[in-house]
């Protein structure tokens, strides 16, 4: 994703607020968090923040991994739909 850690967490906490924001616990220097969701749990892991340069344009870049425990495929699809909607960028 073309996003830095601070912007990622700011947007991420709004996905299913207050469900996520009220219980999220950060680990590994704010590069990982875990929270309960719909009877299971989700862990989010961020790579170190990198820079992507395209000509004179410099963008932050972060890889994101989502790990699900005890969630059905329907629940995972629901969360990923909310995740994608939250981080969707306008484009033409």
C-alpha atoms as a PDB file:
ATOM      1  CA  UNK A   1       0.000   0.000   0.000  1.00  0.00           C
ATOM      2  CA  UNK A   2       1.182   3.531  -0.658  1.00  0.00           C
ATOM      3  CA  UNK A   3       0.731   4.649   2.918  1.00  0.00           C
ATOM      4  CA  UNK A   4       2.844   5.337   5.980  1.00  0.00           C
ATOM      5  CA  UNK A   5       2.274   3.703   9.363  1.00  0.00           C
ATOM      6  CA  UNK A   6       0.662   6.735  11.029  1.00  0.00           C
ATOM      7  CA  UNK A   7      -1.890   7.180   8.234  1.00  0.00           C
ATOM      8  CA  UNK A   8      -2.537   3.438   8.100  1.00  0.00           C
ATOM      9  CA  UNK A   9      -3.444   3.214  11.804  1.00  0.00           C
ATOM     10  CA  UNK A  10      -5.515   6.405  11.661  1.00  0.00           C
ATOM     11  CA  UNK A  11      -7.647   4.969   8.847  1.00  0.00           C
ATOM     12  CA  UNK A  12      -7.602   1.373  10.087  1.00  0.00           C
ATOM     13  CA  UNK A  13      -9.189   2.210  13.431  1.00  0.00           C
ATOM     14  CA  UNK A  14     -12.215   3.620  11.603  1.00  0.00           C
ATOM     15  CA  UNK A  15     -13.038   0.368   9.758  1.00  0.00           C
ATOM     16  CA  UNK A  16     -15.450  -0.906  12.401  1.00  0.00           C
ATOM     17  CA  UNK A  17     -15.301   1.779  15.084  1.00  0.00           C
ATOM     18  CA  UNK A  18     -15.746   1.552  17.993  1.00  0.00           C
ATOM     19  CA  UNK A  19     -15.457  -2.268  17.857  1.00  0.00           C
ATOM     20  CA  UNK A  20     -11.811  -2.165  16.762  1.00  0.00           C
ATOM     21  CA  UNK A  21     -10.642   1.126  18.264  1.00  0.00           C
ATOM     22  CA  UNK A  22     -11.902   0.297  21.770  1.00  0.00           C
ATOM     23  CA  UNK A  23      -9.917  -2.929  22.114  1.00  0.00           C
ATOM     24  CA  UNK A  24      -6.909  -2.883  19.790  1.00  0.00           C
ATOM     25  CA  UNK A  25      -3.579  -3.660  21.440  1.00  0.00           C
ATOM     26  CA  UNK A  26      -0.351  -2.782  19.643  1.00  0.00           C
ATOM     27  CA  UNK A  27       2.835  -4.832  19.702  1.00  0.00           C
ATOM     28  CA  UNK A  28       6.275  -4.715  18.104  1.00  0.00           C
ATOM     29  CA  UNK A  29       6.573  -0.942  18.072  1.00  0.00           C
ATOM     30  CA  UNK A  30       3.124  -0.376  16.545  1.00  0.00           C
ATOM     31  CA  UNK A  31       3.872  -2.691  13.613  1.00  0.00           C
ATOM     32  CA  UNK A  32       1.365  -5.289  14.770  1.00  0.00           C
ATOM     33  CA  UNK A  33      -2.005  -5.315  16.490  1.00  0.00           C
ATOM     34  CA  UNK A  34      -4.564  -7.890  17.478  1.00  0.00           C
ATOM     35  CA  UNK A  35      -8.242  -7.546  18.313  1.00  0.00           C
ATOM     36  CA  UNK A  36     -11.351  -9.690  18.715  1.00  0.00           C
ATOM     37  CA  UNK A  37     -13.922  -9.454  15.962  1.00  0.00           C
ATOM     38  CA  UNK A  38     -17.246 -11.317  15.586  1.00  0.00           C
ATOM     39  CA  UNK A  39     -16.223 -14.209  17.841  1.00  0.00           C
ATOM     40  CA  UNK A  40     -12.736 -14.665  16.364  1.00  0.00           C
ATOM     41  CA  UNK A  41      -9.629 -12.541  16.193  1.00  0.00           C
ATOM     42  CA  UNK A  42      -7.640 -10.643  13.605  1.00  0.00           C
ATOM     43  CA  UNK A  43      -3.940  -9.822  13.683  1.00  0.00           C
ATOM     44  CA  UNK A  44      -2.548  -7.062  11.475  1.00  0.00           C
ATOM     45  CA  UNK A  45       1.173  -6.907  10.699  1.00  0.00           C
ATOM     46  CA  UNK A  46       2.921  -4.039   8.924  1.00  0.00           C
ATOM     47  CA  UNK A  47       6.279  -4.204   7.185  1.00  0.00           C
ATOM     48  CA  UNK A  48       8.851  -1.562   7.895  1.00  0.00           C
ATOM     49  CA  UNK A  49       7.948   1.675   6.162  1.00  0.00           C
ATOM     50  CA  UNK A  50       9.686   1.985   2.802  1.00  0.00           C
ATOM     51  CA  UNK A  51       9.868   4.675   0.159  1.00  0.00           C
ATOM     52  CA  UNK A  52       8.728   4.261  -3.429  1.00  0.00           C
ATOM     53  CA  UNK A  53      10.025   6.835  -5.865  1.00  0.00           C
ATOM     54  CA  UNK A  54       8.489   7.421  -9.284  1.00  0.00           C
ATOM     55  CA  UNK A  55      10.431  10.166 -11.070  1.00  0.00           C
ATOM     56  CA  UNK A  56      10.164  13.144  -8.683  1.00  0.00           C
ATOM     57  CA  UNK A  57       7.229  11.649  -6.767  1.00  0.00           C
ATOM     58  CA  UNK A  58       8.144  10.051  -3.419  1.00  0.00           C
ATOM     59  CA  UNK A  59       5.538   7.869  -1.693  1.00  0.00           C
ATOM     60  CA  UNK A  60       5.616   5.920   1.567  1.00  0.00           C
ATOM     61  CA  UNK A  61       5.023   2.193   1.086  1.00  0.00           C
ATOM     62  CA  UNK A  62       3.935  -0.402   3.636  1.00  0.00           C
ATOM     63  CA  UNK A  63       3.118  -4.085   3.133  1.00  0.00           C
ATOM     64  CA  UNK A  64       0.149  -5.286   5.204  1.00  0.00           C
ATOM     65  CA  UNK A  65      -0.599  -8.853   6.301  1.00  0.00           C
ATOM     66  CA  UNK A  66      -3.954  -9.835   7.803  1.00  0.00           C
ATOM     67  CA  UNK A  67      -4.179 -13.068   9.829  1.00  0.00           C
ATOM     68  CA  UNK A  68      -7.554 -14.506  10.854  1.00  0.00           C
ATOM     69  CA  UNK A  69      -8.331 -16.918  13.694  1.00  0.00           C
ATOM     70  CA  UNK A  70     -11.668 -18.654  14.270  1.00  0.00           C
ATOM     71  CA  UNK A  71     -13.551 -16.675  11.608  1.00  0.00           C
ATOM     72  CA  UNK A  72     -15.653 -18.138   8.808  1.00  0.00           C
ATOM     73  CA  UNK A  73     -14.949 -17.273   5.180  1.00  0.00           C
ATOM     74  CA  UNK A  74     -18.098 -15.101   5.198  1.00  0.00           C
ATOM     75  CA  UNK A  75     -16.755 -13.118   8.175  1.00  0.00           C
ATOM     76  CA  UNK A  76     -13.320 -12.787   6.547  1.00  0.00           C
ATOM     77  CA  UNK A  77     -14.923 -11.554   3.312  1.00  0.00           C
ATOM     78  CA  UNK A  78     -16.981  -9.023   5.288  1.00  0.00           C
ATOM     79  CA  UNK A  79     -13.919  -7.667   7.082  1.00  0.00           C
ATOM     80  CA  UNK A  80     -11.859  -7.488   3.884  1.00  0.00           C
ATOM     81  CA  UNK A  81     -14.680  -5.615   2.140  1.00  0.00           C
ATOM     82  CA  UNK A  82     -14.683  -3.040   4.960  1.00  0.00           C
ATOM     83  CA  UNK A  83     -10.870  -2.905   4.856  1.00  0.00           C
ATOM     84  CA  UNK A  84     -10.792  -2.309   1.095  1.00  0.00           C
ATOM     85  CA  UNK A  85     -13.517   0.336   1.319  1.00  0.00           C
ATOM     86  CA  UNK A  86     -11.623   2.212   4.063  1.00  0.00           C
ATOM     87  CA  UNK A  87      -8.384   2.326   2.084  1.00  0.00           C
ATOM     88  CA  UNK A  88      -9.932   2.888  -1.342  1.00  0.00           C
ATOM     89  CA  UNK A  89      -8.402   5.795  -3.214  1.00  0.00           C
ATOM     90  CA  UNK A  90     -10.313   7.945  -5.664  1.00  0.00           C
ATOM     91  CA  UNK A  91      -9.068   7.664  -9.182  1.00  0.00           C
ATOM     92  CA  UNK A  92     -10.077   8.250 -12.703  1.00  0.00           C
END
